[in-house]
PDB file of all heavy atoms in Angstrom:
ATOM      1  N   ALA A   1      40.232 -40.332  16.437  1.00  0.00           N
ATOM      2  CA  ALA A   1      41.339 -39.457  16.840  1.00  0.00           C
ATOM      3  C   ALA A   1      41.769 -39.770  18.268  1.00  0.00           C
ATOM      4  O   ALA A   1      42.969 -39.867  18.565  1.00  0.00           O
ATOM      5  CB  ALA A   1      40.923 -37.997  16.718  1.00  0.00           C
ATOM      6  N   SER A   2      40.801 -39.941  19.162  1.00  0.00           N
ATOM      7  CA  SER A   2      41.112 -40.269  20.561  1.00  0.00           C
ATOM      8  C   SER A   2      41.821 -41.613  20.643  1.00  0.00           C
ATOM      9  O   SER A   2      42.816 -41.761  21.371  1.00  0.00           O
ATOM     10  CB  SER A   2      39.822 -40.292  21.386  1.00  0.00           C
ATOM     11  OG  SER A   2      39.174 -39.047  21.364  1.00  0.00           O
ATOM     12  N   ALA A   3      41.311 -42.607  19.905  1.00  0.00           N
ATOM     13  CA  ALA A   3      41.926 -43.934  19.910  1.00  0.00           C
ATOM     14  C   ALA A   3      43.346 -43.882  19.356  1.00  0.00           C
ATOM     15  O   ALA A   3      44.244 -44.566  19.865  1.00  0.00           O
ATOM     16  CB  ALA A   3      41.066 -44.913  19.103  1.00  0.00           C
ATOM     17  N   SER A   4      43.558 -43.071  18.326  1.00  0.00           N
ATOM     18  CA  SER A   4      44.887 -42.957  17.729  1.00  0.00           C
ATOM     19  C   SER A   4      45.866 -42.298  18.692  1.00  0.00           C
ATOM     20  O   SER A   4      47.024 -42.722  18.806  1.00  0.00           O
ATOM     21  CB  SER A   4      44.810 -42.155  16.434  1.00  0.00           C
ATOM     22  OG  SER A   4      44.019 -42.823  15.470  1.00  0.00           O
ATOM     23  N   ILE A   5      45.403 -41.259  19.382  1.00  0.00           N
ATOM     24  CA  ILE A   5      46.250 -40.629  20.398  1.00  0.00           C
ATOM     25  C   ILE A   5      46.600 -41.643  21.480  1.00  0.00           C
ATOM     26  O   ILE A   5      47.753 -41.727  21.932  1.00  0.00           O
ATOM     27  CB  ILE A   5      45.543 -39.396  21.001  1.00  0.00           C
ATOM     28  CG1 ILE A   5      45.453 -38.270  19.961  1.00  0.00           C
ATOM     29  CG2 ILE A   5      46.273 -38.904  22.249  1.00  0.00           C
ATOM     30  CD1 ILE A   5      44.575 -37.107  20.391  1.00  0.00           C
ATOM     31  N   GLY A   6      45.616 -42.427  21.895  1.00  0.00           N
ATOM     32  CA  GLY A   6      45.863 -43.461  22.891  1.00  0.00           C
ATOM     33  C   GLY A   6      46.880 -44.474  22.411  1.00  0.00           C
ATOM     34  O   GLY A   6      47.780 -44.884  23.160  1.00  0.00           O
ATOM     35  N   ALA A   7      46.767 -44.889  21.149  1.00  0.00           N
ATOM     36  CA  ALA A   7      47.705 -45.870  20.595  1.00  0.00           C
ATOM     37  C   ALA A   7      49.131 -45.311  20.578  1.00  0.00           C
ATOM     38  O   ALA A   7      50.084 -46.016  20.929  1.00  0.00           O
ATOM     39  CB  ALA A   7      47.278 -46.257  19.183  1.00  0.00           C
ATOM     40  N   LEU A   8      49.263 -44.048  20.196  1.00  0.00           N
ATOM     41  CA  LEU A   8      50.596 -43.440  20.129  1.00  0.00           C
ATOM     42  C   LEU A   8      51.222 -43.301  21.511  1.00  0.00           C
ATOM     43  O   LEU A   8      52.411 -43.613  21.707  1.00  0.00           O
ATOM     44  CB  LEU A   8      50.507 -42.081  19.450  1.00  0.00           C
ATOM     45  CG  LEU A   8      50.179 -42.099  17.950  1.00  0.00           C
ATOM     46  CD1 LEU A   8      49.934 -40.686  17.436  1.00  0.00           C
ATOM     47  CD2 LEU A   8      51.304 -42.764  17.162  1.00  0.00           C
ATOM     48  N   LEU A   9      50.436 -42.841  22.477  1.00  0.00           N
ATOM     49  CA  LEU A   9      50.980 -42.666  23.824  1.00  0.00           C
ATOM     50  C   LEU A   9      51.280 -44.019  24.469  1.00  0.00           C
ATOM     51  O   LEU A   9      52.267 -44.161  25.202  1.00  0.00           O
ATOM     52  CB  LEU A   9      50.005 -41.863  24.677  1.00  0.00           C
ATOM     53  CG  LEU A   9      49.779 -40.415  24.226  1.00  0.00           C
ATOM     54  CD1 LEU A   9      48.793 -39.720  25.153  1.00  0.00           C
ATOM     55  CD2 LEU A   9      51.094 -39.641  24.174  1.00  0.00           C
ATOM     56  N   GLU A  10      50.436 -45.005  24.207  1.00  0.00           N
ATOM     57  CA  GLU A  10      50.694 -46.347  24.733  1.00  0.00           C
ATOM     58  C   GLU A  10      51.991 -46.903  24.155  1.00  0.00           C
ATOM     59  O   GLU A  10      52.779 -47.552  24.851  1.00  0.00           O
ATOM     60  CB  GLU A  10      49.524 -47.264  24.399  1.00  0.00           C
ATOM     61  CG  GLU A  10      49.612 -48.643  25.037  1.00  0.00           C
ATOM     62  CD  GLU A  10      48.380 -49.480  24.733  1.00  0.00           C
ATOM     63  OE1 GLU A  10      48.254 -49.948  23.596  1.00  0.00           O
ATOM     64  OE2 GLU A  10      47.546 -49.656  25.636  1.00  0.00           O
ATOM     65  N   ASN A  11      52.233 -46.626  22.874  1.00  0.00           N
ATOM     66  CA  ASN A  11      53.457 -47.093  22.245  1.00  0.00           C
ATOM     67  C   ASN A  11      54.688 -46.315  22.696  1.00  0.00           C
ATOM     68  O   ASN A  11      55.819 -46.699  22.376  1.00  0.00           O
ATOM     69  CB  ASN A  11      53.318 -47.031  20.720  1.00  0.00           C
ATOM     70  CG  ASN A  11      52.640 -48.259  20.139  1.00  0.00           C
ATOM     71  OD1 ASN A  11      53.279 -49.271  19.891  1.00  0.00           O
ATOM     72  ND2 ASN A  11      51.337 -48.184  19.961  1.00  0.00           N
ATOM     73  N   ARG A  12      54.459 -45.247  23.421  1.00  0.00           N
ATOM     74  CA  ARG A  12      55.569 -44.521  24.046  1.00  0.00           C
ATOM     75  C   ARG A  12      55.847 -45.040  25.452  1.00  0.00           C
ATOM     76  O   ARG A  12      56.636 -44.468  26.198  1.00  0.00           O
ATOM     77  CB  ARG A  12      55.269 -43.026  24.081  1.00  0.00           C
ATOM     78  CG  ARG A  12      55.135 -42.379  22.706  1.00  0.00           C
ATOM     79  CD  ARG A  12      54.871 -40.889  22.799  1.00  0.00           C
ATOM     80  NE  ARG A  12      56.091 -40.155  23.090  1.00  0.00           N
ATOM     81  CZ  ARG A  12      56.880 -39.570  22.168  1.00  0.00           C
ATOM     82  NH1 ARG A  12      56.545 -39.639  20.880  1.00  0.00           N
ATOM     83  NH2 ARG A  12      57.967 -38.927  22.513  1.00  0.00           N
ATOM     84  N   GLY A  13      55.158 -46.126  25.835  1.00  0.00           N
ATOM     85  CA  GLY A  13      55.396 -46.757  27.126  1.00  0.00           C
ATOM     86  C   GLY A  13      54.508 -46.279  28.249  1.00  0.00           C
ATOM     87  O   GLY A  13      54.749 -46.586  29.418  1.00  0.00           O
ATOM     88  N   LEU A  14      53.452 -45.525  27.924  1.00  0.00           N
ATOM     89  CA  LEU A  14      52.561 -44.984  28.946  1.00  0.00           C
ATOM     90  C   LEU A  14      51.339 -45.880  29.138  1.00  0.00           C
ATOM     91  O   LEU A  14      50.844 -46.500  28.195  1.00  0.00           O
ATOM     92  CB  LEU A  14      52.120 -43.570  28.549  1.00  0.00           C
ATOM     93  CG  LEU A  14      53.248 -42.544  28.422  1.00  0.00           C
ATOM     94  CD1 LEU A  14      52.752 -41.288  27.721  1.00  0.00           C
ATOM     95  CD2 LEU A  14      53.821 -42.196  29.793  1.00  0.00           C
ATOM     96  N   ASN A  15      50.866 -45.900  30.367  1.00  0.00           N
ATOM     97  CA  ASN A  15      49.650 -46.646  30.702  1.00  0.00           C
ATOM     98  C   ASN A  15      48.473 -45.699  30.516  1.00  0.00           C
ATOM     99  O   ASN A  15      48.377 -44.675  31.191  1.00  0.00           O
ATOM    100  CB  ASN A  15      49.733 -47.140  32.147  1.00  0.00           C
ATOM    101  CG  ASN A  15      48.561 -48.020  32.508  1.00  0.00           C
ATOM    102  OD1 ASN A  15      47.825 -48.493  31.660  1.00  0.00           O
ATOM    103  ND2 ASN A  15      48.370 -48.229  33.807  1.00  0.00           N
ATOM    104  N   ILE A  16      47.566 -46.036  29.582  1.00  0.00           N
ATOM    105  CA  ILE A  16      46.498 -45.100  29.230  1.00  0.00           C
ATOM    106  C   ILE A  16      45.115 -45.731  29.417  1.00  0.00           C
ATOM    107  O   ILE A  16      44.971 -46.953  29.484  1.00  0.00           O
ATOM    108  CB  ILE A  16      46.648 -44.596  27.782  1.00  0.00           C
ATOM    109  CG1 ILE A  16      46.490 -45.759  26.767  1.00  0.00           C
ATOM    110  CG2 ILE A  16      48.014 -43.951  27.576  1.00  0.00           C
ATOM    111  CD1 ILE A  16      45.170 -45.820  26.088  1.00  0.00           C
ATOM    112  N   THR A  17      44.117 -44.871  29.509  1.00  0.00           N
ATOM    113  CA  THR A  17      42.732 -45.314  29.405  1.00  0.00           C
ATOM    114  C   THR A  17      41.953 -44.225  28.688  1.00  0.00           C
ATOM    115  O   THR A  17      42.457 -43.099  28.511  1.00  0.00           O
ATOM    116  CB  THR A  17      42.103 -45.609  30.776  1.00  0.00           C
ATOM    117  OG1 THR A  17      40.872 -46.323  30.579  1.00  0.00           O
ATOM    118  CG2 THR A  17      41.804 -44.335  31.559  1.00  0.00           C
ATOM    119  N   LEU A  18      40.758 -44.570  28.223  1.00  0.00           N
ATOM    120  CA  LEU A  18      39.925 -43.622  27.490  1.00  0.00           C
ATOM    121  C   LEU A  18      38.512 -43.623  28.051  1.00  0.00           C
ATOM    122  O   LEU A  18      38.019 -44.658  28.521  1.00  0.00           O
ATOM    123  CB  LEU A  18      39.888 -43.966  26.000  1.00  0.00           C
ATOM    124  CG  LEU A  18      41.249 -43.939  25.281  1.00  0.00           C
ATOM    125  CD1 LEU A  18      41.755 -45.356  25.092  1.00  0.00           C
ATOM    126  CD2 LEU A  18      41.153 -43.242  23.929  1.00  0.00           C
ATOM    127  N   ILE A  19      37.875 -42.471  28.013  1.00  0.00           N
ATOM    128  CA  ILE A  19      36.515 -42.309  28.522  1.00  0.00           C
ATOM    129  C   ILE A  19      35.687 -41.591  27.468  1.00  0.00           C
ATOM    130  O   ILE A  19      36.163 -40.649  26.826  1.00  0.00           O
ATOM    131  CB  ILE A  19      36.502 -41.484  29.828  1.00  0.00           C
ATOM    132  CG1 ILE A  19      37.358 -42.156  30.901  1.00  0.00           C
ATOM    133  CG2 ILE A  19      35.070 -41.270  30.337  1.00  0.00           C
ATOM    134  CD1 ILE A  19      37.594 -41.282  32.127  1.00  0.00           C
ATOM    135  N   LYS A  20      34.447 -42.045  27.291  1.00  0.00           N
ATOM    136  CA  LYS A  20      33.532 -41.365  26.367  1.00  0.00           C
ATOM    137  C   LYS A  20      32.378 -40.776  27.176  1.00  0.00           C
ATOM    138  O   LYS A  20      31.713 -41.476  27.932  1.00  0.00           O
ATOM    139  CB  LYS A  20      32.984 -42.363  25.324  1.00  0.00           C
ATOM    140  CG  LYS A  20      31.948 -41.763  24.357  1.00  0.00           C
ATOM    141  CD  LYS A  20      32.574 -40.752  23.413  1.00  0.00           C
ATOM    142  CE  LYS A  20      31.541 -40.107  22.494  1.00  0.00           C
ATOM    143  NZ  LYS A  20      30.972 -41.029  21.502  1.00  0.00           N
ATOM    144  N   LEU A  21      32.142 -39.469  27.006  1.00  0.00           N
ATOM    145  CA  LEU A  21      31.023 -38.783  27.636  1.00  0.00           C
ATOM    146  C   LEU A  21      29.990 -38.472  26.556  1.00  0.00           C
ATOM    147  O   LEU A  21      30.298 -37.763  25.590  1.00  0.00           O
ATOM    148  CB  LEU A  21      31.490 -37.486  28.311  1.00  0.00           C
ATOM    149  CG  LEU A  21      32.596 -37.628  29.356  1.00  0.00           C
ATOM    150  CD1 LEU A  21      33.024 -36.256  29.871  1.00  0.00           C
ATOM    151  CD2 LEU A  21      32.148 -38.507  30.519  1.00  0.00           C
ATOM    152  N   ASP A  22      28.778 -39.004  26.705  1.00  0.00           N
ATOM    153  CA  ASP A  22      27.739 -38.828  25.689  1.00  0.00           C
ATOM    154  C   ASP A  22      26.618 -37.956  26.226  1.00  0.00           C
ATOM    155  O   ASP A  22      26.073 -38.228  27.303  1.00  0.00           O
ATOM    156  CB  ASP A  22      27.169 -40.186  25.270  1.00  0.00           C
ATOM    157  CG  ASP A  22      28.052 -40.876  24.241  1.00  0.00           C
ATOM    158  OD1 ASP A  22      28.358 -40.243  23.226  1.00  0.00           O
ATOM    159  OD2 ASP A  22      28.428 -42.045  24.447  1.00  0.00           O
ATOM    160  N   PRO A  23      26.208 -36.928  25.489  1.00  0.00           N
ATOM    161  CA  PRO A  23      25.232 -35.958  26.008  1.00  0.00           C
ATOM    162  C   PRO A  23      23.778 -36.439  26.035  1.00  0.00           C
ATOM    163  O   PRO A  23      22.950 -35.787  26.645  1.00  0.00           O
ATOM    164  CB  PRO A  23      25.358 -34.768  25.037  1.00  0.00           C
ATOM    165  CG  PRO A  23      26.619 -34.984  24.288  1.00  0.00           C
ATOM    166  CD  PRO A  23      26.809 -36.451  24.232  1.00  0.00           C
ATOM    167  N   TYR A  24      23.453 -37.548  25.358  1.00  0.00           N
ATOM    168  CA  TYR A  24      22.042 -37.917  25.280  1.00  0.00           C
ATOM    169  C   TYR A  24      21.505 -38.410  26.624  1.00  0.00           C
ATOM    170  O   TYR A  24      22.251 -38.836  27.504  1.00  0.00           O
ATOM    171  CB  TYR A  24      21.783 -38.927  24.165  1.00  0.00           C
ATOM    172  CG  TYR A  24      22.688 -40.152  24.159  1.00  0.00           C
ATOM    173  CD1 TYR A  24      22.505 -41.190  25.053  1.00  0.00           C
ATOM    174  CD2 TYR A  24      23.715 -40.264  23.228  1.00  0.00           C
ATOM    175  CE1 TYR A  24      23.307 -42.303  25.030  1.00  0.00           C
ATOM    176  CE2 TYR A  24      24.539 -41.376  23.197  1.00  0.00           C
ATOM    177  CZ  TYR A  24      24.327 -42.393  24.094  1.00  0.00           C
ATOM    178  OH  TYR A  24      25.148 -43.495  24.083  1.00  0.00           O
ATOM    179  N   ILE A  25      20.169 -38.346  26.761  1.00  0.00           N
ATOM    180  CA  ILE A  25      19.513 -38.628  28.043  1.00  0.00           C
ATOM    181  C   ILE A  25      19.351 -40.117  28.306  1.00  0.00           C
ATOM    182  O   ILE A  25      19.147 -40.534  29.447  1.00  0.00           O
ATOM    183  CB  ILE A  25      18.131 -37.926  28.105  1.00  0.00           C
ATOM    184  CG1 ILE A  25      18.303 -36.418  27.881  1.00  0.00           C
ATOM    185  CG2 ILE A  25      17.449 -38.142  29.449  1.00  0.00           C
ATOM    186  CD1 ILE A  25      19.176 -35.723  28.904  1.00  0.00           C
ATOM    187  N   ASN A  26      19.445 -40.966  27.278  1.00  0.00           N
ATOM    188  CA  ASN A  26      19.392 -42.412  27.511  1.00  0.00           C
ATOM    189  C   ASN A  26      20.447 -42.790  28.545  1.00  0.00           C
ATOM    190  O   ASN A  26      21.553 -42.267  28.546  1.00  0.00           O
ATOM    191  CB  ASN A  26      19.667 -43.171  26.223  1.00  0.00           C
ATOM    192  CG  ASN A  26      18.730 -42.793  25.096  1.00  0.00           C
ATOM    193  OD1 ASN A  26      18.761 -41.670  24.629  1.00  0.00           O
ATOM    194  ND2 ASN A  26      17.904 -43.725  24.671  1.00  0.00           N
ATOM    195  N   VAL A  27      20.106 -43.730  29.426  1.00  0.00           N
ATOM    196  CA  VAL A  27      21.072 -44.200  30.417  1.00  0.00           C
ATOM    197  C   VAL A  27      22.262 -44.857  29.732  1.00  0.00           C
ATOM    198  O   VAL A  27      23.411 -44.706  30.142  1.00  0.00           O
ATOM    199  CB  VAL A  27      20.398 -45.155  31.421  1.00  0.00           C
ATOM    200  CG1 VAL A  27      21.428 -45.788  32.354  1.00  0.00           C
ATOM    201  CG2 VAL A  27      19.346 -44.410  32.223  1.00  0.00           C
ATOM    202  N   ASP A  28      21.999 -45.604  28.675  1.00  0.00           N
ATOM    203  CA  ASP A  28      23.039 -46.168  27.816  1.00  0.00           C
ATOM    204  C   ASP A  28      22.412 -46.398  26.446  1.00  0.00           C
ATOM    205  O   ASP A  28      21.191 -46.250  26.287  1.00  0.00           O
ATOM    206  CB  ASP A  28      23.647 -47.459  28.415  1.00  0.00           C
ATOM    207  CG  ASP A  28      22.612 -48.555  28.640  1.00  0.00           C
ATOM    208  OD1 ASP A  28      21.773 -48.786  27.744  1.00  0.00           O
ATOM    209  OD2 ASP A  28      22.640 -49.192  29.703  1.00  0.00           O
TER     210      ASP A  28
END
């Protein structure tokens, strides 16, 4: 859903980026 929103807004001529926040304790 986030990627699709990004694709739609990018196709409207906007410069976008996306961030993922993960709750687990692993560093990555």
